[in-house]
Amino acid sequence: MKLYTMPGACSLADHIVLHWSQLPFEVQVISHENTKSPEYLKLNPAGSVPVLIDGDWALTQNSAILHYIAEIAPGAQLNGDGTPQGRAEVNRWLGLINADLHPAYRPLFGGTRYLQDPDVIAKTQDSARTKLREYYERIDTQLRGRDWLTGKRSIADAYLFVTLLWARALNVDLGGLDNLERFSQSMLADPGVIAAMKTEGL
């Protein structure tokens, strides 16, 4: 398998999970400019990361790739405890991160440039930070008494960690969220996380 990733993008979660899976893989670290090349657009017409190549098959979309890795590496137990409820719990938190938390970063990633008015853009970004704080407070509560979101390491944890890197870089208030801080420090000490971040130059 081969993963196309961009430093610090959501594809870092897939990179981490590949290390956790202990499956053989290679990584191609690319730039934003690379994602618009004709060769890359054949793999992903959206011109974004991640892309996972397995044989002659290309898979896109972060959550799909995370689930695929978990499915082909059942021994790593990255998608719950094997029960329907366990898998649903992982999906619950992965869904929150993928469908709610990640999109809430859009104004901070430059998605409001079209507004042109600096004051309006600033207000939009402040609103985004407020909403992100609400999500992180909910997640902090979930982590109370737990090392992982569902009590067991899963694909959702890798994605959450990546968003915490964004939060710190973009001045999202995480003050007082001690469970998140504990989680973040634990992840930073994880061998798979360390390896993925080193490869991506983070």
C-alpha atoms as a PDB file:
ATOM      1  CA  MET A   1       0.000   0.000   0.000  1.00  0.00           C
ATOM      2  CA  LYS A   2       1.015   3.584  -0.579  1.00  0.00           C
ATOM      3  CA  LEU A   3      -0.354   6.643   1.215  1.00  0.00           C
ATOM      4  CA  TYR A   4      -0.219  10.123  -0.262  1.00  0.00           C
ATOM      5  CA  THR A   5      -0.125  12.639   2.556  1.00  0.00           C
ATOM      6  CA  MET A   6       0.594  16.307   3.129  1.00  0.00           C
ATOM      7  CA  PRO A   7       2.342  17.503   6.308  1.00  0.00           C
ATOM      8  CA  GLY A   8      -0.154  18.185   9.074  1.00  0.00           C
ATOM      9  CA  ALA A   9      -3.245  17.553   6.935  1.00  0.00           C
ATOM     10  CA  CYS A  10      -5.976  15.146   8.007  1.00  0.00           C
ATOM     11  CA  SER A  11      -4.034  12.459   6.132  1.00  0.00           C
ATOM     12  CA  LEU A  12      -1.670  12.386   9.118  1.00  0.00           C
ATOM     13  CA  ALA A  13      -4.375  10.353  10.866  1.00  0.00           C
ATOM     14  CA  ASP A  14      -4.188   7.670   8.169  1.00  0.00           C
ATOM     15  CA  HIS A  15      -0.392   7.723   8.415  1.00  0.00           C
ATOM     16  CA  ILE A  16      -0.563   7.147  12.180  1.00  0.00           C
ATOM     17  CA  VAL A  17      -3.118   4.358  11.821  1.00  0.00           C
ATOM     18  CA  LEU A  18      -0.979   2.609   9.221  1.00  0.00           C
ATOM     19  CA  HIS A  19       1.820   2.495  11.782  1.00  0.00           C
ATOM     20  CA  TRP A  20      -0.604   1.173  14.408  1.00  0.00           C
ATOM     21  CA  SER A  21      -1.847  -1.492  11.980  1.00  0.00           C
ATOM     22  CA  GLN A  22       1.679  -2.901  11.507  1.00  0.00           C
ATOM     23  CA  LEU A  23       0.839  -3.504   7.841  1.00  0.00           C
ATOM     24  CA  PRO A  24       3.581  -2.927   5.249  1.00  0.00           C
ATOM     25  CA  PHE A  25       3.197   0.444   3.519  1.00  0.00           C
ATOM     26  CA  GLU A  26       5.058   3.304   1.922  1.00  0.00           C
ATOM     27  CA  VAL A  27       4.395   7.018   2.126  1.00  0.00           C
ATOM     28  CA  GLN A  28       4.590   9.782  -0.451  1.00  0.00           C
ATOM     29  CA  VAL A  29       4.696  13.198   1.209  1.00  0.00           C
ATOM     30  CA  ILE A  30       3.467  15.800  -1.267  1.00  0.00           C
ATOM     31  CA  SER A  31       2.874  19.539  -1.383  1.00  0.00           C
ATOM     32  CA  HIS A  32      -0.353  21.422  -2.087  1.00  0.00           C
ATOM     33  CA  GLU A  33       0.948  22.135  -5.586  1.00  0.00           C
ATOM     34  CA  ASN A  34       1.427  18.400  -6.200  1.00  0.00           C
ATOM     35  CA  THR A  35      -2.259  17.746  -5.520  1.00  0.00           C
ATOM     36  CA  LYS A  36      -3.187  19.792  -8.608  1.00  0.00           C
ATOM     37  CA  SER A  37      -0.907  17.934 -11.025  1.00  0.00           C
ATOM     38  CA  PRO A  38      -2.569  15.911 -13.814  1.00  0.00           C
ATOM     39  CA  GLU A  39      -1.015  12.708 -12.469  1.00  0.00           C
ATOM     40  CA  TYR A  40      -2.409  13.233  -8.986  1.00  0.00           C
ATOM     41  CA  LEU A  41      -5.833  14.343 -10.213  1.00  0.00           C
ATOM     42  CA  LYS A  42      -6.157  10.954 -11.898  1.00  0.00           C
ATOM     43  CA  LEU A  43      -5.918   9.416  -8.433  1.00  0.00           C
ATOM     44  CA  ASN A  44      -8.149  11.965  -6.723  1.00  0.00           C
ATOM     45  CA  PRO A  45     -10.124  14.381  -8.919  1.00  0.00           C
ATOM     46  CA  ALA A  46     -10.811  16.489  -5.813  1.00  0.00           C
ATOM     47  CA  GLY A  47      -7.112  17.384  -5.692  1.00  0.00           C
ATOM     48  CA  SER A  48      -6.762  16.711  -1.984  1.00  0.00           C
ATOM     49  CA  VAL A  49      -5.198  14.269   0.441  1.00  0.00           C
ATOM     50  CA  PRO A  50      -5.346  11.532   1.513  1.00  0.00           C
ATOM     51  CA  VAL A  51      -5.163   8.917  -1.196  1.00  0.00           C
ATOM     52  CA  LEU A  52      -4.396   5.290  -0.382  1.00  0.00           C
ATOM     53  CA  ILE A  53      -3.235   3.016  -3.186  1.00  0.00           C
ATOM     54  CA  ASP A  54      -3.681  -0.719  -2.684  1.00  0.00           C
ATOM     55  CA  GLY A  55      -2.641  -2.628  -5.762  1.00  0.00           C
ATOM     56  CA  ASP A  56      -4.338  -0.960  -8.711  1.00  0.00           C
ATOM     57  CA  TRP A  57      -7.102   0.551  -6.547  1.00  0.00           C
ATOM     58  CA  ALA A  58      -7.131   4.134  -5.273  1.00  0.00           C
ATOM     59  CA  LEU A  59      -9.192   5.032  -2.208  1.00  0.00           C
ATOM     60  CA  THR A  60      -9.969   8.605  -1.169  1.00  0.00           C
ATOM     61  CA  GLN A  61     -11.785  10.268   1.770  1.00  0.00           C
ATOM     62  CA  ASN A  62     -10.185  10.187   5.178  1.00  0.00           C
ATOM     63  CA  SER A  63     -12.845   8.271   7.083  1.00  0.00           C
ATOM     64  CA  ALA A  64     -13.094   5.640   4.321  1.00  0.00           C
ATOM     65  CA  ILE A  65      -9.340   5.081   4.415  1.00  0.00           C
ATOM     66  CA  LEU A  66      -9.296   4.871   8.217  1.00  0.00           C
ATOM     67  CA  HIS A  67     -12.056   2.245   8.147  1.00  0.00           C
ATOM     68  CA  TYR A  68     -10.337   0.311   5.357  1.00  0.00           C
ATOM     69  CA  ILE A  69      -7.081   0.081   7.285  1.00  0.00           C
ATOM     70  CA  ALA A  70      -8.950  -1.086  10.386  1.00  0.00           C
ATOM     71  CA  GLU A  71     -10.803  -3.726   8.348  1.00  0.00           C
ATOM     72  CA  ILE A  72      -7.692  -5.230   6.744  1.00  0.00           C
ATOM     73  CA  ALA A  73      -5.776  -5.230  10.036  1.00  0.00           C
ATOM     74  CA  PRO A  74      -8.294  -6.821  12.422  1.00  0.00           C
ATOM     75  CA  GLY A  75      -5.551  -7.915  14.779  1.00  0.00           C
ATOM     76  CA  ALA A  76      -4.780  -4.300  15.605  1.00  0.00           C
ATOM     77  CA  GLN A  77      -8.352  -3.841  16.899  1.00  0.00           C
ATOM     78  CA  LEU A  78      -8.636  -0.239  15.726  1.00  0.00           C
ATOM     79  CA  ASN A  79     -12.392  -0.274  15.156  1.00  0.00           C
ATOM     80  CA  GLY A  80     -13.788  -1.164  18.543  1.00  0.00           C
ATOM     81  CA  ASP A  81     -13.905  -4.325  20.571  1.00  0.00           C
ATOM     82  CA  GLY A  82     -15.381  -6.502  17.824  1.00  0.00           C
ATOM     83  CA  THR A  83     -18.998  -6.024  18.868  1.00  0.00           C
ATOM     84  CA  PRO A  84     -21.601  -4.011  16.930  1.00  0.00           C
ATOM     85  CA  GLN A  85     -21.810  -1.617  19.868  1.00  0.00           C
ATOM     86  CA  GLY A  86     -18.047  -1.213  19.959  1.00  0.00           C
ATOM     87  CA  ARG A  87     -17.870  -0.404  16.257  1.00  0.00           C
ATOM     88  CA  ALA A  88     -20.791   2.003  16.618  1.00  0.00           C
ATOM     89  CA  GLU A  89     -19.014   3.867  19.418  1.00  0.00           C
ATOM     90  CA  VAL A  90     -15.943   4.333  17.232  1.00  0.00           C
ATOM     91  CA  ASN A  91     -18.193   5.544  14.401  1.00  0.00           C
ATOM     92  CA  ARG A  92     -19.977   7.924  16.758  1.00  0.00           C
ATOM     93  CA  TRP A  93     -16.768   9.762  17.622  1.00  0.00           C
ATOM     94  CA  LEU A  94     -15.208   9.439  14.188  1.00  0.00           C
ATOM     95  CA  GLY A  95     -18.403  10.908  12.769  1.00  0.00           C
ATOM     96  CA  LEU A  96     -18.275  13.864  15.141  1.00  0.00           C
ATOM     97  CA  ILE A  97     -14.656  14.574  14.217  1.00  0.00           C
ATOM     98  CA  ASN A  98     -15.089  14.071  10.477  1.00  0.00           C
ATOM     99  CA  ALA A  99     -18.501  15.668   9.934  1.00  0.00           C
ATOM    100  CA  ASP A 100     -18.624  18.372  12.627  1.00  0.00           C
ATOM    101  CA  LEU A 101     -15.231  19.180  14.126  1.00  0.00           C
ATOM    102  CA  HIS A 102     -13.096  19.147  10.971  1.00  0.00           C
ATOM    103  CA  PRO A 103     -15.504  21.292   8.876  1.00  0.00           C
ATOM    104  CA  ALA A 104     -15.714  23.817  11.723  1.00  0.00           C
ATOM    105  CA  TYR A 105     -12.082  24.680  10.981  1.00  0.00           C
ATOM    106  CA  ARG A 106     -12.925  25.912   7.486  1.00  0.00           C
ATOM    107  CA  PRO A 107     -13.005  29.648   8.379  1.00  0.00           C
ATOM    108  CA  LEU A 108      -9.602  29.286  10.062  1.00  0.00           C
ATOM    109  CA  PHE A 109      -8.162  27.491   7.036  1.00  0.00           C
ATOM    110  CA  GLY A 110      -8.940  30.452   4.784  1.00  0.00           C
ATOM    111  CA  GLY A 111     -12.408  29.435   3.705  1.00  0.00           C
ATOM    112  CA  THR A 112     -13.787  32.945   4.311  1.00  0.00           C
ATOM    113  CA  ARG A 113     -11.404  34.914   2.066  1.00  0.00           C
ATOM    114  CA  TYR A 114     -14.237  35.443  -0.401  1.00  0.00           C
ATOM    115  CA  LEU A 115     -15.947  37.688   2.178  1.00  0.00           C
ATOM    116  CA  GLN A 116     -13.161  40.272   1.597  1.00  0.00           C
ATOM    117  CA  ASP A 117     -14.223  42.411   4.593  1.00  0.00           C
ATOM    118  CA  PRO A 118     -11.538  41.900   7.318  1.00  0.00           C
ATOM    119  CA  ASP A 119     -14.006  42.626  10.136  1.00  0.00           C
ATOM    120  CA  VAL A 120     -16.513  40.080   8.839  1.00  0.00           C
ATOM    121  CA  ILE A 121     -13.762  37.517   8.361  1.00  0.00           C
ATOM    122  CA  ALA A 122     -12.521  38.103  11.929  1.00  0.00           C
ATOM    123  CA  LYS A 123     -16.038  37.655  13.335  1.00  0.00           C
ATOM    124  CA  THR A 124     -16.484  34.455  11.335  1.00  0.00           C
ATOM    125  CA  GLN A 125     -13.204  33.111  12.658  1.00  0.00           C
ATOM    126  CA  ASP A 126     -14.098  34.047  16.243  1.00  0.00           C
ATOM    127  CA  SER A 127     -17.392  32.215  15.834  1.00  0.00           C
ATOM    128  CA  ALA A 128     -15.530  29.167  14.519  1.00  0.00           C
ATOM    129  CA  ARG A 129     -13.209  29.161  17.525  1.00  0.00           C
ATOM    130  CA  THR A 130     -16.211  29.340  19.856  1.00  0.00           C
ATOM    131  CA  LYS A 131     -17.864  26.393  18.124  1.00  0.00           C
ATOM    132  CA  LEU A 132     -14.636  24.395  18.175  1.00  0.00           C
ATOM    133  CA  ARG A 133     -14.287  25.032  21.898  1.00  0.00           C
ATOM    134  CA  GLU A 134     -17.762  23.558  22.405  1.00  0.00           C
ATOM    135  CA  TYR A 135     -16.819  20.402  20.513  1.00  0.00           C
ATOM    136  CA  TYR A 136     -13.591  20.021  22.456  1.00  0.00           C
ATOM    137  CA  GLU A 137     -15.391  20.466  25.775  1.00  0.00           C
ATOM    138  CA  ARG A 138     -17.686  17.581  24.817  1.00  0.00           C
ATOM    139  CA  ILE A 139     -14.703  15.429  23.844  1.00  0.00           C
ATOM    140  CA  ASP A 140     -12.852  16.373  27.031  1.00  0.00           C
ATOM    141  CA  THR A 141     -15.815  15.093  29.027  1.00  0.00           C
ATOM    142  CA  GLN A 142     -15.769  11.838  27.056  1.00  0.00           C
ATOM    143  CA  LEU A 143     -12.071  11.367  27.861  1.00  0.00           C
ATOM    144  CA  ARG A 144     -12.630  11.697  31.614  1.00  0.00           C
ATOM    145  CA  GLY A 145     -11.303   8.478  33.123  1.00  0.00           C
ATOM    146  CA  ARG A 146     -10.306   7.145  29.690  1.00  0.00           C
ATOM    147  CA  ASP A 147      -7.018   6.982  27.802  1.00  0.00           C
ATOM    148  CA  TRP A 148      -8.866   6.726  24.470  1.00  0.00           C
ATOM    149  CA  LEU A 149     -12.169   8.072  23.152  1.00  0.00           C
ATOM    150  CA  THR A 150     -13.967   4.740  23.421  1.00  0.00           C
ATOM    151  CA  GLY A 151     -11.768   3.259  26.149  1.00  0.00           C
ATOM    152  CA  LYS A 152      -9.671   1.392  23.573  1.00  0.00           C
ATOM    153  CA  ARG A 153      -7.320   2.813  20.945  1.00  0.00           C
ATOM    154  CA  SER A 154      -9.114   3.352  17.640  1.00  0.00           C
ATOM    155  CA  ILE A 155      -9.027   5.150  14.320  1.00  0.00           C
ATOM    156  CA  ALA A 156     -10.988   8.011  15.912  1.00  0.00           C
ATOM    157  CA  ASP A 157      -8.133   8.804  18.289  1.00  0.00           C
ATOM    158  CA  ALA A 158      -5.672   9.409  15.462  1.00  0.00           C
ATOM    159  CA  TYR A 159      -8.054  11.845  13.760  1.00  0.00           C
ATOM    160  CA  LEU A 160      -8.755  13.668  17.028  1.00  0.00           C
ATOM    161  CA  PHE A 161      -5.032  14.110  17.638  1.00  0.00           C
ATOM    162  CA  VAL A 162      -4.528  15.750  14.239  1.00  0.00           C
ATOM    163  CA  THR A 163      -7.262  18.287  14.976  1.00  0.00           C
ATOM    164  CA  LEU A 164      -5.550  19.142  18.263  1.00  0.00           C
ATOM    165  CA  LEU A 165      -2.410  20.033  16.320  1.00  0.00           C
ATOM    166  CA  TRP A 166      -4.555  22.406  14.273  1.00  0.00           C
ATOM    167  CA  ALA A 167      -6.136  23.850  17.414  1.00  0.00           C
ATOM    168  CA  ARG A 168      -2.781  24.823  18.852  1.00  0.00           C
ATOM    169  CA  ALA A 169      -1.536  26.274  15.578  1.00  0.00           C
ATOM    170  CA  LEU A 170      -4.704  28.335  15.068  1.00  0.00           C
ATOM    171  CA  ASN A 171      -5.187  29.627  18.629  1.00  0.00           C
ATOM    172  CA  VAL A 172      -8.278  27.632  19.501  1.00  0.00           C
ATOM    173  CA  ASP A 173      -8.787  27.880  23.258  1.00  0.00           C
ATOM    174  CA  LEU A 174      -8.104  24.516  24.904  1.00  0.00           C
ATOM    175  CA  GLY A 175      -7.473  25.996  28.340  1.00  0.00           C
ATOM    176  CA  GLY A 176      -8.682  23.894  31.254  1.00  0.00           C
ATOM    177  CA  LEU A 177      -9.388  20.841  29.107  1.00  0.00           C
ATOM    178  CA  ASP A 178      -7.084  18.630  31.129  1.00  0.00           C
ATOM    179  CA  ASN A 179      -8.290  15.327  29.706  1.00  0.00           C
ATOM    180  CA  LEU A 180      -7.547  16.505  26.181  1.00  0.00           C
ATOM    181  CA  GLU A 181      -4.118  17.686  27.266  1.00  0.00           C
ATOM    182  CA  ARG A 182      -3.381  14.305  28.845  1.00  0.00           C
ATOM    183  CA  PHE A 183      -4.555  12.572  25.666  1.00  0.00           C
ATOM    184  CA  SER A 184      -2.416  14.851  23.497  1.00  0.00           C
ATOM    185  CA  GLN A 185       0.726  14.261  25.549  1.00  0.00           C
ATOM    186  CA  SER A 186       0.147  10.506  25.452  1.00  0.00           C
ATOM    187  CA  MET A 187      -0.202  10.617  21.683  1.00  0.00           C
ATOM    188  CA  LEU A 188       2.970  12.678  21.295  1.00  0.00           C
ATOM    189  CA  ALA A 189       4.834   9.892  23.102  1.00  0.00           C
ATOM    190  CA  ASP A 190       3.315   7.127  20.943  1.00  0.00           C
ATOM    191  CA  PRO A 191       5.891   5.436  18.649  1.00  0.00           C
ATOM    192  CA  GLY A 192       3.518   5.372  15.671  1.00  0.00           C
ATOM    193  CA  VAL A 193       2.717   9.057  16.075  1.00  0.00           C
ATOM    194  CA  ILE A 194       6.393   9.935  16.452  1.00  0.00           C
ATOM    195  CA  ALA A 195       7.288   7.974  13.301  1.00  0.00           C
ATOM    196  CA  ALA A 196       4.503   9.522  11.207  1.00  0.00           C
ATOM    197  CA  MET A 197       5.273  13.065  12.337  1.00  0.00           C
ATOM    198  CA  LYS A 198       9.005  12.607  11.693  1.00  0.00           C
ATOM    199  CA  THR A 199       8.371  11.398   8.143  1.00  0.00           C
ATOM    200  CA  GLU A 200       6.112  14.395   7.485  1.00  0.00           C
ATOM    201  CA  GLY A 201       8.645  16.816   8.941  1.00  0.00           C
ATOM    202  CA  LEU A 202       6.457  17.858  11.857  1.00  0.00           C
END
